[in-house]
Amino acid sequence: MATGDTAPRPSSALTRKGAATRARLIQAAQCVFSERGFLQSKITDITAAAGTANGTFYTYFDSKEQVLMAIADEVVGRFLGTLREGRSTSGDPAEVISHDNHQYVVAYRAHADIMRVIEQAATFNNEMAVLRRSIRERFVERAARSIRTWQAEGLCSADLTPRIVAALLVAMVDNFAYNWLSLGQPHPEDEVVHAMNEIWIRALRIPKEARTHPAQL
C-alpha cells in the first residue's frame, strides 16, 4: 500500500530536459510493469530500463504507485484520442456506436498489458482502485452525454436513465475487453464488435428508422 499522496506531480513546470527524463521514466515503467507485473517490479528495474540513476526517479515520483498513475493518465488520453479518430458527425447513433466500439477495441488491444497491470493493482491498493474507477468514469460520462443527446432527438428510448445504462454498457465492453485482450481469451474481433454493437442498440432501443447505416451492424 502506498502512503501519502500518490497523485502524479505536475510536469508543466519542468525544464525541457526534465520533461524528457520524466517521460523516459514513464515509458520505462510501462515496459517493466507490463513484463513483470506491478508487485514484482522494483524502482531499480525502472531506472535501469530508463538509463537513469536511482535517485533520479524520486525527483519526479515518490513511489511505484505514483508512476503507475502517470502511466494511466497517458493511456486514457491515448484511448480518448483513438475514439475521436474518424468519429461520425452524421448524428446516426448506430454509426457512432459501431465506430466507438471498434475504436475502443483497437485502443484496448494496444494497451492490453498495462491495462492488466492497472486492473490487478486496483485489487489490493485503494488509490489504484480509485484510479481504476476514474478511468471507467470518463467513458461512462462520454456515453451518457451521447445517450442524452439521442433521447432529446428521439433517436433512442426516452425511459432509460442515461447515467445508469451508460455505466452498464461501458462495464460490459470494458470487462469483456479485459478478459479477452489482457487475459488472452480467444475471440474473433469482427464477431465481438458486432455483438457489442447489437447489445448497445437493443439496450437503447434505437429504432431501425434512426439508423442510416444498418449494414454495419
C-alpha atoms as a PDB file:
ATOM      1  CA  MET A   1       0.000   0.000   0.000  1.00  0.00           C
ATOM      2  CA  ALA A   2       1.149   3.495  -0.758  1.00  0.00           C
ATOM      3  CA  THR A   3       1.318   6.051   1.985  1.00  0.00           C
ATOM      4  CA  GLY A   4       0.580   9.681   1.378  1.00  0.00           C
ATOM      5  CA  ASP A   5      -0.416  11.394  -1.816  1.00  0.00           C
ATOM      6  CA  THR A   6       0.024   9.310  -4.969  1.00  0.00           C
ATOM      7  CA  ALA A   7      -1.172  11.939  -7.442  1.00  0.00           C
ATOM      8  CA  PRO A   8       1.392  12.408 -10.213  1.00  0.00           C
ATOM      9  CA  ARG A   9       3.438  15.581  -9.880  1.00  0.00           C
ATOM     10  CA  PRO A  10       2.635  18.221 -12.487  1.00  0.00           C
ATOM     11  CA  SER A  11       5.078  18.286 -15.390  1.00  0.00           C
ATOM     12  CA  SER A  12       4.203  21.785 -16.622  1.00  0.00           C
ATOM     13  CA  ALA A  13       6.963  23.477 -14.595  1.00  0.00           C
ATOM     14  CA  LEU A  14       9.733  21.101 -15.701  1.00  0.00           C
ATOM     15  CA  THR A  15      12.556  22.134 -17.975  1.00  0.00           C
ATOM     16  CA  ARG A  16      12.686  20.514 -21.407  1.00  0.00           C
ATOM     17  CA  LYS A  17      15.391  18.153 -20.158  1.00  0.00           C
ATOM     18  CA  GLY A  18      13.400  17.370 -17.013  1.00  0.00           C
ATOM     19  CA  ALA A  19      10.257  16.666 -19.023  1.00  0.00           C
ATOM     20  CA  ALA A  20      12.220  14.329 -21.289  1.00  0.00           C
ATOM     21  CA  THR A  21      13.654  12.459 -18.300  1.00  0.00           C
ATOM     22  CA  ARG A  22      10.221  12.132 -16.702  1.00  0.00           C
ATOM     23  CA  ALA A  23       8.765  10.836 -19.975  1.00  0.00           C
ATOM     24  CA  ARG A  24      11.609   8.303 -20.245  1.00  0.00           C
ATOM     25  CA  LEU A  25      10.901   7.057 -16.724  1.00  0.00           C
ATOM     26  CA  ILE A  26       7.182   6.700 -17.522  1.00  0.00           C
ATOM     27  CA  GLN A  27       7.931   4.756 -20.697  1.00  0.00           C
ATOM     28  CA  ALA A  28      10.420   2.534 -18.885  1.00  0.00           C
ATOM     29  CA  ALA A  29       7.965   1.900 -16.037  1.00  0.00           C
ATOM     30  CA  GLN A  30       5.247   0.906 -18.507  1.00  0.00           C
ATOM     31  CA  CYS A  31       7.574  -1.645 -20.104  1.00  0.00           C
ATOM     32  CA  VAL A  32       8.729  -3.024 -16.750  1.00  0.00           C
ATOM     33  CA  PHE A  33       5.226  -3.250 -15.293  1.00  0.00           C
ATOM     34  CA  SER A  34       3.904  -4.920 -18.453  1.00  0.00           C
ATOM     35  CA  GLU A  35       6.674  -7.526 -18.440  1.00  0.00           C
ATOM     36  CA  ARG A  36       6.943  -8.274 -14.719  1.00  0.00           C
ATOM     37  CA  GLY A  37       3.689  -7.152 -13.170  1.00  0.00           C
ATOM     38  CA  PHE A  38       3.318  -4.394 -10.603  1.00  0.00           C
ATOM     39  CA  LEU A  39       4.249  -6.310  -7.453  1.00  0.00           C
ATOM     40  CA  GLN A  40       7.357  -7.912  -8.925  1.00  0.00           C
ATOM     41  CA  SER A  41       8.682  -4.647 -10.375  1.00  0.00           C
ATOM     42  CA  LYS A  42      11.213  -2.575  -8.456  1.00  0.00           C
ATOM     43  CA  ILE A  43      12.111   1.073  -8.823  1.00  0.00           C
ATOM     44  CA  THR A  44      15.663  -0.039  -9.617  1.00  0.00           C
ATOM     45  CA  ASP A  45      14.230  -2.027 -12.560  1.00  0.00           C
ATOM     46  CA  ILE A  46      12.576   1.143 -13.842  1.00  0.00           C
ATOM     47  CA  THR A  47      15.671   3.305 -13.536  1.00  0.00           C
ATOM     48  CA  ALA A  48      17.801   0.618 -15.179  1.00  0.00           C
ATOM     49  CA  ALA A  49      15.383   0.425 -18.114  1.00  0.00           C
ATOM     50  CA  ALA A  50      15.324   4.233 -18.352  1.00  0.00           C
ATOM     51  CA  GLY A  51      19.117   4.527 -18.112  1.00  0.00           C
ATOM     52  CA  THR A  52      18.957   6.898 -15.149  1.00  0.00           C
ATOM     53  CA  ALA A  53      20.357   6.931 -11.615  1.00  0.00           C
ATOM     54  CA  ASN A  54      18.105   5.514  -8.909  1.00  0.00           C
ATOM     55  CA  GLY A  55      17.857   8.884  -7.195  1.00  0.00           C
ATOM     56  CA  THR A  56      16.574  10.477 -10.392  1.00  0.00           C
ATOM     57  CA  PHE A  57      13.314   8.573 -10.039  1.00  0.00           C
ATOM     58  CA  TYR A  58      12.488  10.426  -6.819  1.00  0.00           C
ATOM     59  CA  THR A  59      12.937  13.796  -8.489  1.00  0.00           C
ATOM     60  CA  TYR A  60       9.736  13.080 -10.409  1.00  0.00           C
ATOM     61  CA  PHE A  61       7.845  10.390  -8.470  1.00  0.00           C
ATOM     62  CA  ASP A  62       7.501   9.296  -4.855  1.00  0.00           C
ATOM     63  CA  SER A  63       6.534   5.672  -5.489  1.00  0.00           C
ATOM     64  CA  LYS A  64       5.655   2.939  -7.979  1.00  0.00           C
ATOM     65  CA  GLU A  65       2.010   3.821  -7.438  1.00  0.00           C
ATOM     66  CA  GLN A  66       2.598   7.389  -8.485  1.00  0.00           C
ATOM     67  CA  VAL A  67       4.346   6.486 -11.724  1.00  0.00           C
ATOM     68  CA  LEU A  68       1.562   3.992 -12.493  1.00  0.00           C
ATOM     69  CA  MET A  69      -0.954   6.809 -12.083  1.00  0.00           C
ATOM     70  CA  ALA A  70       1.036   8.901 -14.554  1.00  0.00           C
ATOM     71  CA  ILE A  71       1.041   5.971 -16.997  1.00  0.00           C
ATOM     72  CA  ALA A  72      -2.706   5.532 -16.602  1.00  0.00           C
ATOM     73  CA  ASP A  73      -3.316   9.212 -17.277  1.00  0.00           C
ATOM     74  CA  GLU A  74      -1.365   8.984 -20.517  1.00  0.00           C
ATOM     75  CA  VAL A  75      -3.087   5.753 -21.544  1.00  0.00           C
ATOM     76  CA  VAL A  76      -6.549   7.253 -21.030  1.00  0.00           C
ATOM     77  CA  GLY A  77      -5.536  10.246 -23.126  1.00  0.00           C
ATOM     78  CA  ARG A  78      -4.492   7.909 -25.934  1.00  0.00           C
ATOM     79  CA  PHE A  79      -7.741   5.946 -25.556  1.00  0.00           C
ATOM     80  CA  LEU A  80      -9.823   9.084 -25.941  1.00  0.00           C
ATOM     81  CA  GLY A  81      -7.712  10.220 -28.870  1.00  0.00           C
ATOM     82  CA  THR A  82      -8.311   6.890 -30.620  1.00  0.00           C
ATOM     83  CA  LEU A  83     -12.059   7.175 -30.029  1.00  0.00           C
ATOM     84  CA  ARG A  84     -12.119  10.618 -31.615  1.00  0.00           C
ATOM     85  CA  GLU A  85     -10.354   9.430 -34.772  1.00  0.00           C
ATOM     86  CA  GLY A  86     -12.809   9.275 -37.656  1.00  0.00           C
ATOM     87  CA  ARG A  87     -15.891   9.669 -35.460  1.00  0.00           C
ATOM     88  CA  SER A  88     -19.029  10.322 -37.487  1.00  0.00           C
ATOM     89  CA  THR A  89     -20.733  13.698 -37.303  1.00  0.00           C
ATOM     90  CA  SER A  90     -23.885  12.392 -39.001  1.00  0.00           C
ATOM     91  CA  GLY A  91     -25.837  12.070 -35.748  1.00  0.00           C
ATOM     92  CA  ASP A  92     -26.629   8.431 -36.531  1.00  0.00           C
ATOM     93  CA  PRO A  93     -26.442   6.635 -33.141  1.00  0.00           C
ATOM     94  CA  ALA A  94     -25.818   3.232 -34.731  1.00  0.00           C
ATOM     95  CA  GLU A  95     -22.879   4.588 -36.682  1.00  0.00           C
ATOM     96  CA  VAL A  96     -21.432   6.270 -33.591  1.00  0.00           C
ATOM     97  CA  ILE A  97     -21.813   3.069 -31.540  1.00  0.00           C
ATOM     98  CA  SER A  98     -20.200   0.967 -34.270  1.00  0.00           C
ATOM     99  CA  HIS A  99     -17.273   3.379 -34.574  1.00  0.00           C
ATOM    100  CA  ASP A 100     -16.704   3.774 -30.832  1.00  0.00           C
ATOM    101  CA  ASN A 101     -16.828   0.062 -30.034  1.00  0.00           C
ATOM    102  CA  HIS A 102     -14.391  -0.733 -32.819  1.00  0.00           C
ATOM    103  CA  GLN A 103     -12.011   2.055 -31.792  1.00  0.00           C
ATOM    104  CA  TYR A 104     -12.227   1.052 -28.126  1.00  0.00           C
ATOM    105  CA  VAL A 105     -11.137  -2.467 -29.060  1.00  0.00           C
ATOM    106  CA  VAL A 106      -8.280  -1.045 -31.161  1.00  0.00           C
ATOM    107  CA  ALA A 107      -7.130   1.150 -28.245  1.00  0.00           C
ATOM    108  CA  TYR A 108      -7.515  -1.588 -25.631  1.00  0.00           C
ATOM    109  CA  ARG A 109      -5.541  -4.066 -27.722  1.00  0.00           C
ATOM    110  CA  ALA A 110      -2.683  -1.546 -27.974  1.00  0.00           C
ATOM    111  CA  HIS A 111      -2.599  -1.116 -24.177  1.00  0.00           C
ATOM    112  CA  ALA A 112      -3.762  -4.546 -23.002  1.00  0.00           C
ATOM    113  CA  ASP A 113      -0.632  -5.287 -20.965  1.00  0.00           C
ATOM    114  CA  ILE A 114      -0.691  -2.085 -18.928  1.00  0.00           C
ATOM    115  CA  MET A 115      -4.475  -2.286 -18.509  1.00  0.00           C
ATOM    116  CA  ARG A 116      -3.923  -5.699 -16.930  1.00  0.00           C
ATOM    117  CA  VAL A 117      -1.440  -4.127 -14.509  1.00  0.00           C
ATOM    118  CA  ILE A 118      -3.850  -1.306 -13.598  1.00  0.00           C
ATOM    119  CA  GLU A 119      -6.720  -3.778 -13.133  1.00  0.00           C
ATOM    120  CA  GLN A 120      -4.676  -6.040 -10.895  1.00  0.00           C
ATOM    121  CA  ALA A 121      -3.171  -3.213  -8.831  1.00  0.00           C
ATOM    122  CA  ALA A 122      -6.697  -1.950  -8.124  1.00  0.00           C
ATOM    123  CA  THR A 123      -7.493  -5.165  -6.244  1.00  0.00           C
ATOM    124  CA  PHE A 124      -5.018  -4.503  -3.440  1.00  0.00           C
ATOM    125  CA  ASN A 125      -4.408  -0.748  -3.431  1.00  0.00           C
ATOM    126  CA  ASN A 126      -7.070   1.810  -2.564  1.00  0.00           C
ATOM    127  CA  GLU A 127      -5.501   4.590  -4.615  1.00  0.00           C
ATOM    128  CA  MET A 128      -5.325   2.309  -7.642  1.00  0.00           C
ATOM    129  CA  ALA A 129      -8.960   1.309  -7.109  1.00  0.00           C
ATOM    130  CA  VAL A 130      -9.964   4.973  -7.177  1.00  0.00           C
ATOM    131  CA  LEU A 131      -7.871   5.461 -10.290  1.00  0.00           C
ATOM    132  CA  ARG A 132      -9.449   2.444 -11.984  1.00  0.00           C
ATOM    133  CA  ARG A 133     -12.943   3.763 -11.263  1.00  0.00           C
ATOM    134  CA  SER A 134     -11.986   7.190 -12.597  1.00  0.00           C
ATOM    135  CA  ILE A 135     -10.771   5.649 -15.867  1.00  0.00           C
ATOM    136  CA  ARG A 136     -14.108   3.932 -16.421  1.00  0.00           C
ATOM    137  CA  GLU A 137     -15.991   7.046 -15.333  1.00  0.00           C
ATOM    138  CA  ARG A 138     -14.555   9.049 -18.217  1.00  0.00           C
ATOM    139  CA  PHE A 139     -16.023   6.602 -20.706  1.00  0.00           C
ATOM    140  CA  VAL A 140     -19.318   6.338 -18.817  1.00  0.00           C
ATOM    141  CA  GLU A 141     -19.835  10.097 -18.859  1.00  0.00           C
ATOM    142  CA  ARG A 142     -18.935  10.247 -22.537  1.00  0.00           C
ATOM    143  CA  ALA A 143     -21.526   7.578 -23.348  1.00  0.00           C
ATOM    144  CA  ALA A 144     -24.129   9.202 -21.082  1.00  0.00           C
ATOM    145  CA  ARG A 145     -23.771  12.506 -22.959  1.00  0.00           C
ATOM    146  CA  SER A 146     -24.424  10.738 -26.262  1.00  0.00           C
ATOM    147  CA  ILE A 147     -27.450   8.931 -24.857  1.00  0.00           C
ATOM    148  CA  ARG A 148     -28.927  12.188 -23.533  1.00  0.00           C
ATOM    149  CA  THR A 149     -28.488  13.765 -26.963  1.00  0.00           C
ATOM    150  CA  TRP A 150     -30.133  10.819 -28.721  1.00  0.00           C
ATOM    151  CA  GLN A 151     -33.029  10.870 -26.277  1.00  0.00           C
ATOM    152  CA  ALA A 152     -33.574  14.590 -26.845  1.00  0.00           C
ATOM    153  CA  GLU A 153     -33.620  13.964 -30.600  1.00  0.00           C
ATOM    154  CA  GLY A 154     -35.960  10.988 -30.327  1.00  0.00           C
ATOM    155  CA  LEU A 155     -33.321   8.547 -31.585  1.00  0.00           C
ATOM    156  CA  CYS A 156     -33.375   6.126 -28.645  1.00  0.00           C
ATOM    157  CA  SER A 157     -35.634   5.151 -25.751  1.00  0.00           C
ATOM    158  CA  ALA A 158     -36.536   8.086 -23.509  1.00  0.00           C
ATOM    159  CA  ASP A 159     -37.427   5.958 -20.469  1.00  0.00           C
ATOM    160  CA  LEU A 160     -33.834   4.909 -19.691  1.00  0.00           C
ATOM    161  CA  THR A 161     -31.626   6.723 -17.188  1.00  0.00           C
ATOM    162  CA  PRO A 162     -28.589   7.753 -19.297  1.00  0.00           C
ATOM    163  CA  ARG A 163     -26.065   7.523 -16.475  1.00  0.00           C
ATOM    164  CA  ILE A 164     -27.137   4.031 -15.395  1.00  0.00           C
ATOM    165  CA  VAL A 165     -27.459   2.474 -18.835  1.00  0.00           C
ATOM    166  CA  ALA A 166     -24.153   4.042 -19.885  1.00  0.00           C
ATOM    167  CA  ALA A 167     -22.433   2.544 -16.822  1.00  0.00           C
ATOM    168  CA  LEU A 168     -23.878  -0.891 -17.575  1.00  0.00           C
ATOM    169  CA  LEU A 169     -22.907  -0.858 -21.237  1.00  0.00           C
ATOM    170  CA  VAL A 170     -19.411   0.533 -20.648  1.00  0.00           C
ATOM    171  CA  ALA A 171     -18.813  -2.096 -17.946  1.00  0.00           C
ATOM    172  CA  MET A 172     -19.807  -4.817 -20.403  1.00  0.00           C
ATOM    173  CA  VAL A 173     -17.326  -3.629 -23.032  1.00  0.00           C
ATOM    174  CA  ASP A 174     -14.584  -2.840 -20.510  1.00  0.00           C
ATOM    175  CA  ASN A 175     -14.775  -6.128 -18.585  1.00  0.00           C
ATOM    176  CA  PHE A 176     -15.036  -8.193 -21.737  1.00  0.00           C
ATOM    177  CA  ALA A 177     -12.009  -6.419 -23.243  1.00  0.00           C
ATOM    178  CA  TYR A 178     -10.005  -7.145 -20.091  1.00  0.00           C
ATOM    179  CA  ASN A 179     -10.775 -10.873 -20.163  1.00  0.00           C
ATOM    180  CA  TRP A 180     -10.386 -11.077 -23.927  1.00  0.00           C
ATOM    181  CA  LEU A 181      -7.337  -8.911 -24.629  1.00  0.00           C
ATOM    182  CA  SER A 182      -5.494  -8.624 -21.300  1.00  0.00           C
ATOM    183  CA  LEU A 183      -6.037 -12.200 -20.103  1.00  0.00           C
ATOM    184  CA  GLY A 184      -5.915 -13.762 -23.555  1.00  0.00           C
ATOM    185  CA  GLN A 185      -9.305 -15.368 -24.162  1.00  0.00           C
ATOM    186  CA  PRO A 186      -9.524 -16.141 -27.908  1.00  0.00           C
ATOM    187  CA  HIS A 187     -12.432 -14.496 -29.764  1.00  0.00           C
ATOM    188  CA  PRO A 188     -12.779 -13.289 -33.379  1.00  0.00           C
ATOM    189  CA  GLU A 189     -12.677  -9.487 -33.363  1.00  0.00           C
ATOM    190  CA  ASP A 190     -15.383  -8.990 -36.001  1.00  0.00           C
ATOM    191  CA  GLU A 191     -17.835 -11.162 -34.082  1.00  0.00           C
ATOM    192  CA  VAL A 192     -17.037  -9.454 -30.792  1.00  0.00           C
ATOM    193  CA  VAL A 193     -17.571  -5.940 -32.128  1.00  0.00           C
ATOM    194  CA  HIS A 194     -20.738  -6.989 -33.955  1.00  0.00           C
ATOM    195  CA  ALA A 195     -22.149  -8.455 -30.721  1.00  0.00           C
ATOM    196  CA  MET A 196     -21.198  -5.329 -28.749  1.00  0.00           C
ATOM    197  CA  ASN A 197     -22.989  -3.139 -31.273  1.00  0.00           C
ATOM    198  CA  GLU A 198     -26.121  -5.283 -31.199  1.00  0.00           C
ATOM    199  CA  ILE A 199     -26.242  -5.249 -27.396  1.00  0.00           C
ATOM    200  CA  TRP A 200     -25.891  -1.448 -27.272  1.00  0.00           C
ATOM    201  CA  ILE A 201     -28.532  -0.863 -29.942  1.00  0.00           C
ATOM    202  CA  ARG A 202     -31.032  -3.262 -28.401  1.00  0.00           C
ATOM    203  CA  ALA A 203     -30.425  -1.931 -24.881  1.00  0.00           C
ATOM    204  CA  LEU A 204     -31.030   1.641 -26.048  1.00  0.00           C
ATOM    205  CA  ARG A 205     -33.957   0.532 -28.226  1.00  0.00           C
ATOM    206  CA  ILE A 206     -32.739   2.508 -31.218  1.00  0.00           C
ATOM    207  CA  PRO A 207     -35.404   2.158 -33.940  1.00  0.00           C
ATOM    208  CA  LYS A 208     -34.375   0.944 -37.377  1.00  0.00           C
ATOM    209  CA  GLU A 209     -35.535   4.189 -38.939  1.00  0.00           C
ATOM    210  CA  ALA A 210     -32.942   6.050 -36.840  1.00  0.00           C
ATOM    211  CA  ARG A 211     -30.113   4.058 -38.418  1.00  0.00           C
ATOM    212  CA  THR A 212     -28.675   5.324 -41.666  1.00  0.00           C
ATOM    213  CA  HIS A 213     -26.006   2.596 -41.822  1.00  0.00           C
ATOM    214  CA  PRO A 214     -27.681  -0.640 -40.627  1.00  0.00           C
ATOM    215  CA  ALA A 215     -25.349  -2.792 -42.737  1.00  0.00           C
ATOM    216  CA  GLN A 216     -22.504  -2.103 -40.310  1.00  0.00           C
ATOM    217  CA  LEU A 217     -24.434  -3.898 -37.595  1.00  0.00           C
END
